[in-house]
């Protein structure tokens, strides 16, 4: 299979010609790390087998897109054509441009050791090995199948990083000049700070947000840095084969029932999860809200739910003021409207570009101007 021109084309799309990451992307056979993957079709998730259509396999593997490799506990490698899993994606091969950007944010030097949290299919580790060398790369994942598969497939490419089965929210196996997480966390694990060498640099994302954080270790064992202007979204770090149950029942209640509080909203119905800055600011103020959004020719509907029992439903035609139903201990739509008011009053939301201060125990403060927040 003549995959090299496809890899070269991908490298040209996702790196600058003078980038040190261009050669690693051009030399890495991504398709061998993702032989099977999940795609959405009208009936839900459907497995795709690369060997059944090699042309499609190459086009898919060398596109700058994320490829879902697990849904719930079911790996695409182990699925049959009849499987239709439900639930959230639990592993993917991240879009190559984002992998490169995460490593660029780490400011890797030639002699640096890298701790990579979130092995997945191993594509990021392949790039890191070609950039740094096998002995400088340690990769960790909570899923033992992913660890074994990535180790074997990387080995077939002649790459031999340390690929370890580790719940990376606990103790890490060693110390590193750089830690890059391609899973999101909240809070930042204290173990990551302990595993950073003096002056080491951490790159991660905050769970529930698109906030990409870079921070350097300080003498007290904490770290200081900033929320980058860049954006990134990764799956939440997990501790087992799947995520805990979500709030489907409460969202169903929000869809069907009248609230204890019925009012007219100040602003049009918004698809919160598609408004990345708004969603990130909301999740800093009120973490853990789940969202659903529907739109047709007649109406927009936004649902919100939280594990504390709070829920909200906003419905409206186009950009009209919505009718808002809310119930539970908090008024979730009112919290959202407060964030939107802040945005309109101040011209922007303060969370992106904020300074970040991480204590040795992982507790984290954000600050920008007069705005302060704790994660």
Protein backbone atom coordinates (compact mmCIF):
# COMPACT_ATOMS: atom_id res chain seq x y z
CA UNK A 1 0.00 0.00 0.00
CA UNK A 2 1.49 3.33 -1.08
CA UNK A 3 0.66 5.43 1.99
CA UNK A 4 3.70 7.73 1.98
CA UNK A 5 2.29 10.38 -0.41
CA UNK A 6 -0.79 10.62 1.81
CA UNK A 7 1.35 11.16 4.91
CA UNK A 8 3.42 13.78 3.11
CA UNK A 9 0.25 15.58 2.05
CA UNK A 10 -1.01 15.54 5.64
CA UNK A 11 2.29 16.95 6.87
CA UNK A 12 2.03 19.79 4.36
CA UNK A 13 -1.46 20.62 5.61
CA UNK A 14 -0.80 20.55 9.36
CA UNK A 15 2.78 21.86 9.69
CA UNK A 16 4.87 24.73 8.40
CA UNK A 17 7.63 23.68 6.03
CA UNK A 18 10.31 24.68 8.58
CA UNK A 19 8.58 22.90 11.49
CA UNK A 20 10.44 20.14 13.29
CA UNK A 21 7.15 18.24 13.28
CA UNK A 22 6.88 18.08 9.48
CA UNK A 23 9.16 15.06 9.08
CA UNK A 24 7.54 13.05 11.91
CA UNK A 25 4.08 13.55 10.38
CA UNK A 26 5.32 12.73 6.88
CA UNK A 27 7.05 9.55 8.08
CA UNK A 28 4.29 8.11 10.26
CA UNK A 29 1.87 5.48 8.92
CA UNK A 30 -1.24 6.66 10.76
CA UNK A 31 -3.45 4.10 9.02
CA UNK A 32 -1.58 1.23 10.69
CA UNK A 33 -2.45 2.67 14.11
CA UNK A 34 -6.15 3.00 13.21
CA UNK A 35 -7.13 -0.11 11.22
CA UNK A 36 -10.76 0.19 12.35
CA UNK A 37 -12.82 3.11 13.63
CA UNK A 38 -16.36 4.24 14.42
CA UNK A 39 -18.44 6.62 12.31
CA UNK A 40 -21.92 8.02 12.83
CA UNK A 41 -24.65 6.87 10.47
CA UNK A 42 -28.48 7.20 10.66
CA UNK A 43 -28.64 4.17 12.99
CA UNK A 44 -25.92 5.39 15.37
CA UNK A 45 -22.30 4.31 15.58
CA UNK A 46 -21.10 1.95 12.83
CA UNK A 47 -17.70 0.31 12.59
CA UNK A 48 -15.48 0.88 9.57
CA UNK A 49 -12.80 -1.64 8.57
CA UNK A 50 -9.91 -0.11 6.69
CA UNK A 51 -8.85 -3.32 4.97
CA UNK A 52 -12.32 -3.61 3.37
CA UNK A 53 -11.73 -0.41 1.37
CA UNK A 54 -8.08 0.60 1.22
CA UNK A 55 -8.70 3.82 -0.72
CA UNK A 56 -11.20 5.03 1.87
CA UNK A 57 -8.85 3.90 4.65
CA UNK A 58 -6.03 6.06 3.33
CA UNK A 59 -8.26 9.06 2.69
CA UNK A 60 -9.69 8.83 6.21
CA UNK A 61 -6.45 8.10 8.06
CA UNK A 62 -4.57 10.98 6.42
CA UNK A 63 -7.29 13.57 6.82
CA UNK A 64 -6.93 16.12 9.59
CA UNK A 65 -9.77 14.70 11.63
CA UNK A 66 -10.21 12.78 14.85
CA UNK A 67 -11.07 9.10 14.38
CA UNK A 68 -13.18 7.52 17.11
CA UNK A 69 -11.72 4.15 18.09
CA UNK A 70 -13.86 3.27 21.13
CA UNK A 71 -17.47 4.00 22.09
CA UNK A 72 -18.26 3.16 25.69
CA UNK A 73 -16.21 0.05 26.48
CA UNK A 74 -16.35 -1.30 22.90
CA UNK A 75 -13.21 -0.93 20.81
CA UNK A 76 -13.63 -0.75 17.05
CA UNK A 77 -10.90 -3.41 16.75
CA UNK A 78 -13.16 -5.87 18.61
CA UNK A 79 -16.53 -4.95 17.09
CA UNK A 80 -18.65 -6.79 14.56
CA UNK A 81 -20.46 -5.11 11.68
CA UNK A 82 -23.75 -5.56 13.56
CA UNK A 83 -22.62 -3.72 16.69
CA UNK A 84 -24.34 -0.39 17.37
CA UNK A 85 -22.88 0.87 20.66
CA UNK A 86 -24.47 3.69 22.60
CA UNK A 87 -22.81 6.19 24.84
CA UNK A 88 -19.86 8.49 24.59
CA UNK A 89 -16.63 8.02 22.65
CA UNK A 90 -13.91 6.84 25.02
CA UNK A 91 -10.88 6.83 22.74
CA UNK A 92 -9.79 8.41 19.49
CA UNK A 93 -6.88 9.20 17.28
CA UNK A 94 -6.83 12.98 17.75
CA UNK A 95 -6.74 15.15 14.66
CA UNK A 96 -3.05 15.47 13.71
CA UNK A 97 -2.96 19.27 13.66
CA UNK A 98 -4.10 19.35 17.30
CA UNK A 99 -1.52 16.73 18.35
CA UNK A 100 1.19 18.87 16.76
CA UNK A 101 -0.13 22.02 18.44
CA UNK A 102 -0.16 20.39 21.86
CA UNK A 103 3.47 19.35 21.42
CA UNK A 104 4.37 22.81 20.14
CA UNK A 105 2.84 24.35 23.28
CA UNK A 106 5.14 22.07 25.29
CA UNK A 107 8.23 23.75 23.75
CA UNK A 108 10.05 20.45 23.54
CA UNK A 109 13.83 20.58 23.41
CA UNK A 110 15.93 17.87 21.80
CA UNK A 111 17.02 16.42 25.15
CA UNK A 112 13.67 16.70 26.96
CA UNK A 113 11.85 13.72 28.39
CA UNK A 114 8.13 13.59 27.66
CA UNK A 115 5.32 12.12 29.70
CA UNK A 116 2.31 11.76 27.41
CA UNK A 117 -1.03 11.17 29.15
CA UNK A 118 -3.61 9.57 26.86
CA UNK A 119 -1.95 7.01 24.59
CA UNK A 120 -5.05 6.18 22.55
CA UNK A 121 -4.03 4.45 19.32
CA UNK A 122 -0.48 5.80 19.68
CA UNK A 123 -0.26 8.40 16.90
CA UNK A 124 1.02 11.17 19.18
CA UNK A 125 3.63 8.81 20.58
CA UNK A 126 4.80 7.91 17.09
CA UNK A 127 5.33 11.59 16.31
CA UNK A 128 7.09 12.20 19.64
CA UNK A 129 9.42 9.23 19.13
CA UNK A 130 10.41 10.46 15.68
CA UNK A 131 11.05 13.92 17.11
CA UNK A 132 12.83 12.97 20.37
CA UNK A 133 13.77 9.30 20.23
CA UNK A 134 12.13 6.29 21.88
CA UNK A 135 13.96 6.50 25.19
CA UNK A 136 12.71 10.01 25.89
CA UNK A 137 9.00 9.17 25.53
CA UNK A 138 6.73 7.59 28.15
CA UNK A 139 3.06 7.17 27.26
CA UNK A 140 0.24 6.31 29.67
CA UNK A 141 -3.36 5.21 29.30
CA UNK A 142 -6.01 3.84 31.68
CA UNK A 143 -7.23 1.29 29.11
CA UNK A 144 -5.10 -1.89 29.05
CA UNK A 145 -6.29 -2.85 25.56
CA UNK A 146 -5.18 0.48 24.12
CA UNK A 147 -1.80 0.13 25.81
CA UNK A 148 -1.17 -3.34 24.40
CA UNK A 149 -2.43 -2.46 20.91
CA UNK A 150 -0.44 0.77 20.70
CA UNK A 151 2.73 -0.88 22.01
CA UNK A 152 2.45 -3.66 19.43
CA UNK A 153 1.63 -1.39 16.48
CA UNK A 154 4.33 1.11 17.35
CA UNK A 155 6.78 -1.78 17.66
CA UNK A 156 5.88 -2.93 14.14
CA UNK A 157 6.93 0.56 12.99
CA UNK A 158 10.25 0.17 14.78
CA UNK A 159 9.25 2.57 17.57
CA UNK A 160 9.62 1.49 21.19
CA UNK A 161 8.56 4.13 23.72
CA UNK A 162 7.52 3.08 27.21
CA UNK A 163 3.75 2.53 26.89
CA UNK A 164 2.24 1.87 30.30
CA UNK A 165 -1.13 0.98 31.78
CA UNK A 166 -1.61 3.77 34.31
CA UNK A 167 -4.48 5.75 35.77
CA UNK A 168 -2.65 9.00 35.22
CA UNK A 169 -4.75 10.87 37.77
CA UNK A 170 -2.75 8.87 40.32
CA UNK A 171 1.02 8.53 40.65
CA UNK A 172 3.04 8.76 37.44
CA UNK A 173 5.89 6.38 36.63
CA UNK A 174 8.90 8.70 36.70
CA UNK A 175 9.74 12.36 36.27
CA UNK A 176 9.65 14.37 33.08
CA UNK A 177 10.78 17.65 31.56
CA UNK A 178 7.43 17.96 29.81
CA UNK A 179 3.99 16.50 30.47
CA UNK A 180 1.43 16.73 27.66
CA UNK A 181 -2.10 15.45 28.27
CA UNK A 182 -4.39 14.62 25.38
CA UNK A 183 -7.17 13.97 27.87
CA UNK A 184 -8.84 16.72 29.90
CA UNK A 185 -8.76 16.94 33.69
CA UNK A 186 -10.29 18.92 36.53
CA UNK A 187 -8.56 19.60 38.82
CA UNK A 188 -4.98 19.25 37.62
CA UNK A 189 -3.68 16.14 39.43
CA UNK A 190 -1.10 16.87 42.12
CA UNK A 191 0.81 13.84 40.84
CA UNK A 192 1.50 15.64 37.56
CA UNK A 193 3.16 18.49 39.41
CA UNK A 194 5.19 16.01 41.47
CA UNK A 195 6.33 14.28 38.27
CA UNK A 196 7.49 17.49 36.60
CA UNK A 197 11.18 18.20 36.92
CA UNK A 198 12.21 21.65 38.23
CA UNK A 199 11.30 24.18 35.57
CA UNK A 200 9.29 21.55 33.70
CA UNK A 201 6.32 22.48 31.54
CA UNK A 202 2.79 21.10 31.60
CA UNK A 203 0.25 21.26 28.75
CA UNK A 204 -3.31 20.14 29.37
CA UNK A 205 -6.96 21.06 28.96
CA UNK A 206 -9.60 21.69 31.62
CA UNK A 207 -12.42 19.15 31.56
CA UNK A 208 -15.77 20.56 30.50
CA UNK A 209 -14.14 23.45 28.63
CA UNK A 210 -12.05 24.17 25.54
CA UNK A 211 -9.41 25.85 27.72
CA UNK A 212 -5.85 24.87 26.88
CA UNK A 213 -3.48 25.48 29.79
CA UNK A 214 0.30 25.77 29.81
CA UNK A 215 2.18 26.10 33.10
CA UNK A 216 5.75 25.81 34.33
CA UNK A 217 6.75 24.30 37.66
CA UNK A 218 7.64 26.71 40.43
CA UNK A 219 10.05 26.29 43.34
CA UNK A 220 7.23 25.55 45.80
CA UNK A 221 6.13 22.52 43.76
CA UNK A 222 3.19 24.26 42.13
CA UNK A 223 3.04 25.84 38.69
CA UNK A 224 2.15 29.13 37.04
CA UNK A 225 1.12 29.80 33.49
CA UNK A 226 -1.83 30.89 31.41
CA UNK A 227 -4.89 29.86 29.51
CA UNK A 228 -3.72 30.02 25.91
CA UNK A 229 -5.67 31.86 23.23
CA UNK A 230 -5.67 28.56 21.36
CA UNK A 231 -8.58 26.12 21.85
CA UNK A 232 -8.66 22.36 22.30
CA UNK A 233 -11.22 19.78 23.26
CA UNK A 234 -10.35 16.33 24.61
CA UNK A 235 -12.24 13.48 26.25
CA UNK A 236 -12.32 13.58 30.03
CA UNK A 237 -9.78 11.46 31.85
CA UNK A 238 -11.54 8.35 33.10
CA UNK A 239 -10.76 5.70 35.69
CA UNK A 240 -12.30 2.64 34.02
CA UNK A 241 -13.52 1.29 30.67
CA UNK A 242 -16.40 3.76 30.40
CA UNK A 243 -17.70 7.01 31.86
CA UNK A 244 -20.24 7.07 34.71
CA UNK A 245 -23.94 7.31 33.71
CA UNK A 246 -24.98 10.73 32.49
CA UNK A 247 -28.13 12.78 33.05
CA UNK A 248 -30.42 11.40 30.34
CA UNK A 249 -33.37 10.97 32.71
CA UNK A 250 -33.15 14.53 34.01
CA UNK A 251 -32.79 15.89 30.48
CA UNK A 252 -35.93 13.96 29.53
CA UNK A 253 -37.72 15.63 32.44
CA UNK A 254 -36.48 19.01 31.22
CA UNK A 255 -37.83 18.30 27.75
CA UNK A 256 -41.35 17.28 28.81
CA UNK A 257 -42.36 19.03 32.03
CA UNK A 258 -43.20 22.51 33.19
CA UNK A 259 -40.74 24.07 35.59
CA UNK A 260 -41.26 25.48 39.04
CA UNK A 261 -40.19 28.79 37.51
CA UNK A 262 -41.47 29.93 34.09
CA UNK A 263 -40.20 33.21 32.64
CA UNK A 264 -39.13 35.00 29.48
CA UNK A 265 -35.41 34.93 28.79
CA UNK A 266 -33.35 38.02 27.98
CA UNK A 267 -31.42 36.56 25.04
CA UNK A 268 -32.10 34.22 22.11
CA UNK A 269 -31.73 30.47 22.53
CA UNK A 270 -28.10 29.51 21.95
CA UNK A 271 -26.41 26.19 21.18
CA UNK A 272 -24.08 26.43 24.17
CA UNK A 273 -21.67 23.62 23.34
CA UNK A 274 -21.03 25.12 19.89
CA UNK A 275 -20.20 28.51 21.46
CA UNK A 276 -16.81 27.47 22.85
CA UNK A 277 -15.93 30.58 24.82
CA UNK A 278 -19.41 30.86 26.30
CA UNK A 279 -19.44 27.17 27.22
CA UNK A 280 -16.00 27.41 28.81
CA UNK A 281 -16.90 30.44 30.90
CA UNK A 282 -20.16 28.82 32.00
CA UNK A 283 -18.35 25.67 33.06
CA UNK A 284 -15.92 27.68 35.17
CA UNK A 285 -18.84 29.42 36.91
CA UNK A 286 -21.12 26.36 37.15
CA UNK A 287 -19.25 23.15 36.31
CA UNK A 288 -20.94 19.92 35.31
CA UNK A 289 -23.95 21.11 33.30
CA UNK A 290 -25.04 18.84 30.44
CA UNK A 291 -26.65 20.34 27.35
CA UNK A 292 -28.92 19.31 24.50
CA UNK A 293 -29.98 21.47 21.56
CA UNK A 294 -32.58 20.91 18.84
CA UNK A 295 -33.53 23.15 15.95
CA UNK A 296 -36.02 22.85 13.12
CA UNK A 297 -37.84 25.29 10.84
CA UNK A 298 -40.18 26.34 13.63
CA UNK A 299 -38.31 26.31 16.91
CA UNK A 300 -35.05 26.15 18.82
CA UNK A 301 -34.92 24.20 22.08
CA UNK A 302 -32.04 24.19 24.55
CA UNK A 303 -31.96 21.85 27.55
CA UNK A 304 -29.66 22.03 30.57
CA UNK A 305 -29.31 19.60 33.48
CA UNK A 306 -27.04 19.17 36.47
CA UNK A 307 -26.44 16.30 38.87
CA UNK A 308 -27.76 18.43 41.75
CA UNK A 309 -31.25 18.09 40.20
CA UNK A 310 -31.39 21.48 38.50
CA UNK A 311 -32.69 21.69 34.95
CA UNK A 312 -33.81 24.28 32.40
CA UNK A 313 -35.55 24.37 29.03
CA UNK A 314 -35.58 27.38 26.72
CA UNK A 315 -37.71 27.45 23.56
CA UNK A 316 -38.18 30.14 20.95
CA UNK A 317 -38.72 30.85 17.29
CA UNK A 318 -35.50 31.99 15.60
CA UNK A 319 -33.96 34.89 17.52
CA UNK A 320 -37.02 35.78 19.61
CA UNK A 321 -36.92 35.96 23.40
CA UNK A 322 -37.43 32.41 24.71
CA UNK A 323 -39.87 30.94 27.16
CA UNK A 324 -37.74 29.45 29.94
CA UNK A 325 -38.80 26.65 32.29
CA UNK A 326 -36.52 25.97 35.24
CA UNK A 327 -36.57 23.73 38.28
CA UNK A 328 -34.35 22.39 41.04
CA UNK A 329 -32.04 24.10 43.53
CA UNK A 330 -30.45 26.43 40.93
CA UNK A 331 -31.70 28.39 37.94
CA UNK A 332 -29.31 27.20 35.25
CA UNK A 333 -30.61 29.42 32.42
CA UNK A 334 -30.27 32.47 34.67
CA UNK A 335 -26.62 31.56 35.29
CA UNK A 336 -26.09 31.32 31.54
CA UNK A 337 -27.76 34.70 31.00
CA UNK A 338 -25.49 36.26 33.65
CA UNK A 339 -22.47 35.07 31.68
CA UNK A 340 -23.93 36.49 28.46
CA UNK A 341 -24.62 39.82 30.19
CA UNK A 342 -21.02 39.97 31.37
CA UNK A 343 -19.90 39.33 27.79
CA UNK A 344 -22.07 42.10 26.34
CA UNK A 345 -21.14 44.54 29.11
CA UNK A 346 -17.39 43.98 28.93
CA UNK A 347 -16.93 43.09 25.27
CA UNK A 348 -15.31 39.73 25.95
CA UNK A 349 -15.14 36.90 28.45
CA UNK A 350 -12.07 36.94 30.70
CA UNK A 351 -11.36 33.23 30.91
CA UNK A 352 -9.28 32.88 27.74
CA UNK A 353 -5.91 34.52 28.23
CA UNK A 354 -6.22 34.36 32.01
CA UNK A 355 -3.23 33.70 34.23
CA UNK A 356 -3.28 30.37 36.04
CA UNK A 357 -1.83 29.57 39.45
CA UNK A 358 -1.64 25.92 40.49
CA UNK A 359 -0.77 24.94 44.04
CA UNK A 360 1.19 21.74 44.77
CA UNK A 361 -2.08 19.98 45.70
CA UNK A 362 -3.55 20.82 42.26
CA UNK A 363 -5.98 23.52 43.43
CA UNK A 364 -6.09 26.16 40.75
CA UNK A 365 -6.92 29.87 40.52
CA UNK A 366 -7.57 31.86 37.37
CA UNK A 367 -7.12 35.62 37.14
CA UNK A 368 -7.43 38.27 34.47
CA UNK A 369 -7.65 41.90 35.49
CA UNK A 370 -10.20 42.15 38.29
CA UNK A 371 -11.75 38.78 37.43
CA UNK A 372 -10.86 35.85 39.69
CA UNK A 373 -12.11 32.26 39.72
CA UNK A 374 -11.28 28.95 41.36
CA UNK A 375 -11.50 25.67 39.50
